[in-house]
Amino acid sequence: IPFLPLLPSFNPLCEASWSVLAREVESWLVNTIRDVRAPEWAWGCNAFWMAFIAANLDFPRGSWPNWNPKISLEGKFIESWTADNLTMPADSPLSQHILDEIRRSIWDDFQLSFPFPLPPYL
C-alpha cells in the first residue's frame, strides 16, 4: 500500500495532512486496485472516506473537492457520517476544539481499520 507508512509529517489534527492522504488513497484505489469486488477496494473506500471527511468536515454541506465517481458513498463510515450530519443545523460553526475532537475520533477509527498497528502520531 503506497501511502503507508504515513509520512512523518502527517498530523491527524491537520486538514492538509488528511487531504493529501485522501488523494493518495483515491489514486491507489482507482489506479491500482480497480476491482470494486476486491476486499482491498472495500477497505480502501473506508480509508478514503475517513481521510476525505477529516479533510472536509463540513461534508455533505458546503463545498469540497470532487472525488472519482467510481468511489461510491457506501460503507459503514460514510453512511454513518452522512446520516449524522444531515441532522445538524447547516449554519452551526464548530470551534477549533470541536474540529480537533472530530479529527481525533476519525484518526482513532482510521487506526482501528488496519490489520496491523500504525505508529502513534499524537
C-alpha atoms as a PDB file:
ATOM      1  CA  ILE A   1       0.000   0.000   0.000  1.00  0.00           C
ATOM      2  CA  PRO A   2       1.975   3.002  -1.277  1.00  0.00           C
ATOM      3  CA  PHE A   3       0.657   5.581   1.194  1.00  0.00           C
ATOM      4  CA  LEU A   4       1.784   3.500   4.187  1.00  0.00           C
ATOM      5  CA  PRO A   5       3.536   4.046   6.384  1.00  0.00           C
ATOM      6  CA  LEU A   6       2.182   7.553   6.668  1.00  0.00           C
ATOM      7  CA  LEU A   7       4.729  10.314   6.271  1.00  0.00           C
ATOM      8  CA  PRO A   8       6.395  11.516   9.490  1.00  0.00           C
ATOM      9  CA  SER A   9       4.870  14.932   8.767  1.00  0.00           C
ATOM     10  CA  PHE A  10       1.322  13.509   8.930  1.00  0.00           C
ATOM     11  CA  ASN A  11      -0.667  15.320  11.610  1.00  0.00           C
ATOM     12  CA  PRO A  12      -4.089  13.817  12.387  1.00  0.00           C
ATOM     13  CA  LEU A  13      -5.349  17.218  13.534  1.00  0.00           C
ATOM     14  CA  CYS A  14      -4.359  18.928  10.267  1.00  0.00           C
ATOM     15  CA  GLU A  15      -6.824  19.268   7.398  1.00  0.00           C
ATOM     16  CA  ALA A  16      -3.989  19.400   4.847  1.00  0.00           C
ATOM     17  CA  SER A  17      -2.497  16.078   6.046  1.00  0.00           C
ATOM     18  CA  TRP A  18      -5.864  14.379   5.611  1.00  0.00           C
ATOM     19  CA  SER A  19      -6.381  15.982   2.203  1.00  0.00           C
ATOM     20  CA  VAL A  20      -3.075  14.594   0.916  1.00  0.00           C
ATOM     21  CA  LEU A  21      -3.909  11.177   2.354  1.00  0.00           C
ATOM     22  CA  ALA A  22      -7.372  11.179   0.728  1.00  0.00           C
ATOM     23  CA  ARG A  23      -5.826  11.897  -2.684  1.00  0.00           C
ATOM     24  CA  GLU A  24      -3.245   9.132  -2.181  1.00  0.00           C
ATOM     25  CA  VAL A  25      -5.857   6.563  -1.156  1.00  0.00           C
ATOM     26  CA  GLU A  26      -8.120   7.604  -4.038  1.00  0.00           C
ATOM     27  CA  SER A  27      -5.278   7.210  -6.522  1.00  0.00           C
ATOM     28  CA  TRP A  28      -4.360   3.781  -5.116  1.00  0.00           C
ATOM     29  CA  LEU A  29      -7.961   2.622  -5.368  1.00  0.00           C
ATOM     30  CA  VAL A  30      -8.705   3.714  -8.910  1.00  0.00           C
ATOM     31  CA  ASN A  31      -5.247   3.126 -10.432  1.00  0.00           C
ATOM     32  CA  THR A  32      -4.050   0.008  -8.595  1.00  0.00           C
ATOM     33  CA  ILE A  33      -6.960  -1.916  -7.093  1.00  0.00           C
ATOM     34  CA  ARG A  34      -9.577  -1.117  -9.776  1.00  0.00           C
ATOM     35  CA  ASP A  35     -11.782  -4.128  -8.963  1.00  0.00           C
ATOM     36  CA  VAL A  36     -14.696  -2.904  -6.846  1.00  0.00           C
ATOM     37  CA  ARG A  37     -15.328  -6.507  -5.708  1.00  0.00           C
ATOM     38  CA  ALA A  38     -11.860  -6.923  -4.159  1.00  0.00           C
ATOM     39  CA  PRO A  39     -11.652  -6.813  -0.337  1.00  0.00           C
ATOM     40  CA  GLU A  40      -8.938  -4.162  -0.716  1.00  0.00           C
ATOM     41  CA  TRP A  41     -11.478  -1.977  -2.506  1.00  0.00           C
ATOM     42  CA  ALA A  42     -13.914  -2.036   0.418  1.00  0.00           C
ATOM     43  CA  TRP A  43     -11.136  -1.385   2.918  1.00  0.00           C
ATOM     44  CA  GLY A  44      -9.665   1.357   0.713  1.00  0.00           C
ATOM     45  CA  CYS A  45     -13.034   3.073   0.262  1.00  0.00           C
ATOM     46  CA  ASN A  46     -13.495   3.180   4.014  1.00  0.00           C
ATOM     47  CA  ALA A  47      -9.971   4.606   4.433  1.00  0.00           C
ATOM     48  CA  PHE A  48     -10.660   7.119   1.648  1.00  0.00           C
ATOM     49  CA  TRP A  49     -13.878   8.343   3.251  1.00  0.00           C
ATOM     50  CA  MET A  50     -12.248   8.745   6.653  1.00  0.00           C
ATOM     51  CA  ALA A  51      -9.442  10.817   5.128  1.00  0.00           C
ATOM     52  CA  PHE A  52     -11.808  12.788   2.880  1.00  0.00           C
ATOM     53  CA  ILE A  53     -14.149  13.640   5.751  1.00  0.00           C
ATOM     54  CA  ALA A  54     -11.295  14.572   8.099  1.00  0.00           C
ATOM     55  CA  ALA A  55     -10.149  16.996   5.392  1.00  0.00           C
ATOM     56  CA  ASN A  56     -13.695  18.269   4.687  1.00  0.00           C
ATOM     57  CA  LEU A  57     -15.579  18.237   7.960  1.00  0.00           C
ATOM     58  CA  ASP A  58     -18.493  20.229   6.532  1.00  0.00           C
ATOM     59  CA  PHE A  59     -19.350  17.403   4.095  1.00  0.00           C
ATOM     60  CA  PRO A  60     -22.059  16.867   2.861  1.00  0.00           C
ATOM     61  CA  ARG A  61     -22.703  20.596   3.242  1.00  0.00           C
ATOM     62  CA  GLY A  62     -20.541  23.392   1.946  1.00  0.00           C
ATOM     63  CA  SER A  63     -18.008  22.889  -0.799  1.00  0.00           C
ATOM     64  CA  TRP A  64     -15.467  20.112  -1.180  1.00  0.00           C
ATOM     65  CA  PRO A  65     -13.226  18.769  -3.929  1.00  0.00           C
ATOM     66  CA  ASN A  66     -14.588  16.271  -6.418  1.00  0.00           C
ATOM     67  CA  TRP A  67     -13.587  12.646  -5.994  1.00  0.00           C
ATOM     68  CA  ASN A  68     -13.506   9.850  -8.522  1.00  0.00           C
ATOM     69  CA  PRO A  69     -17.139   8.787  -9.075  1.00  0.00           C
ATOM     70  CA  LYS A  70     -16.055   5.140  -9.013  1.00  0.00           C
ATOM     71  CA  ILE A  71     -15.798   5.584  -5.224  1.00  0.00           C
ATOM     72  CA  SER A  72     -19.404   5.431  -4.093  1.00  0.00           C
ATOM     73  CA  LEU A  73     -20.985   6.814  -0.934  1.00  0.00           C
ATOM     74  CA  GLU A  74     -21.182   3.339   0.535  1.00  0.00           C
ATOM     75  CA  GLY A  75     -19.652   1.813   3.613  1.00  0.00           C
ATOM     76  CA  LYS A  76     -20.100   1.945   7.348  1.00  0.00           C
ATOM     77  CA  PHE A  77     -18.130   5.133   7.977  1.00  0.00           C
ATOM     78  CA  ILE A  78     -19.514   7.363   5.208  1.00  0.00           C
ATOM     79  CA  GLU A  79     -23.091   6.173   5.642  1.00  0.00           C
ATOM     80  CA  SER A  80     -22.930   6.916   9.361  1.00  0.00           C
ATOM     81  CA  TRP A  81     -21.278  10.305   8.753  1.00  0.00           C
ATOM     82  CA  THR A  82     -23.843  11.476   6.205  1.00  0.00           C
ATOM     83  CA  ALA A  83     -26.785  10.269   8.296  1.00  0.00           C
ATOM     84  CA  ASP A  84     -25.496  12.000  11.436  1.00  0.00           C
ATOM     85  CA  ASN A  85     -24.530  15.238   9.701  1.00  0.00           C
ATOM     86  CA  LEU A  86     -27.742  15.724   7.782  1.00  0.00           C
ATOM     87  CA  THR A  87     -29.478  16.238  11.129  1.00  0.00           C
ATOM     88  CA  MET A  88     -27.125  19.049  12.247  1.00  0.00           C
ATOM     89  CA  PRO A  89     -28.089  22.670  11.514  1.00  0.00           C
ATOM     90  CA  ALA A  90     -26.201  23.832   8.429  1.00  0.00           C
ATOM     91  CA  ASP A  91     -25.263  27.188   9.931  1.00  0.00           C
ATOM     92  CA  SER A  92     -23.723  25.927  13.172  1.00  0.00           C
ATOM     93  CA  PRO A  93     -19.985  26.765  13.084  1.00  0.00           C
ATOM     94  CA  LEU A  94     -17.729  24.486  15.090  1.00  0.00           C
ATOM     95  CA  SER A  95     -14.900  25.629  17.320  1.00  0.00           C
ATOM     96  CA  GLN A  96     -11.340  24.515  16.643  1.00  0.00           C
ATOM     97  CA  HIS A  97     -11.560  22.365  19.761  1.00  0.00           C
ATOM     98  CA  ILE A  98     -14.578  20.505  18.359  1.00  0.00           C
ATOM     99  CA  LEU A  99     -12.915  20.141  14.932  1.00  0.00           C
ATOM    100  CA  ASP A 100      -9.839  18.663  16.650  1.00  0.00           C
ATOM    101  CA  GLU A 101     -12.012  16.236  18.609  1.00  0.00           C
ATOM    102  CA  ILE A 102     -13.771  15.087  15.441  1.00  0.00           C
ATOM    103  CA  ARG A 103     -10.433  14.548  13.678  1.00  0.00           C
ATOM    104  CA  ARG A 104      -9.093  12.675  16.729  1.00  0.00           C
ATOM    105  CA  SER A 105     -12.133  10.411  16.609  1.00  0.00           C
ATOM    106  CA  ILE A 106     -11.670   9.789  12.880  1.00  0.00           C
ATOM    107  CA  TRP A 107      -7.973   9.117  13.493  1.00  0.00           C
ATOM    108  CA  ASP A 108      -8.874   6.542  16.153  1.00  0.00           C
ATOM    109  CA  ASP A 109     -11.256   4.833  13.715  1.00  0.00           C
ATOM    110  CA  PHE A 110      -8.679   5.035  10.925  1.00  0.00           C
ATOM    111  CA  GLN A 111      -6.059   3.275  13.060  1.00  0.00           C
ATOM    112  CA  LEU A 112      -8.529   0.552  14.033  1.00  0.00           C
ATOM    113  CA  SER A 113      -9.356  -0.140  10.389  1.00  0.00           C
ATOM    114  CA  PHE A 114      -5.866  -1.533   9.709  1.00  0.00           C
ATOM    115  CA  PRO A 115      -4.997  -5.198  10.149  1.00  0.00           C
ATOM    116  CA  PHE A 116      -1.673  -4.040  11.649  1.00  0.00           C
ATOM    117  CA  PRO A 117      -0.819  -1.247  14.115  1.00  0.00           C
ATOM    118  CA  LEU A 118       0.123   2.200  12.869  1.00  0.00           C
ATOM    119  CA  PRO A 119       2.793   4.230  14.647  1.00  0.00           C
ATOM    120  CA  PRO A 120       1.500   6.878  17.065  1.00  0.00           C
ATOM    121  CA  TYR A 121       1.123  10.368  15.593  1.00  0.00           C
ATOM    122  CA  LEU A 122      -0.347  12.259  18.551  1.00  0.00           C
END
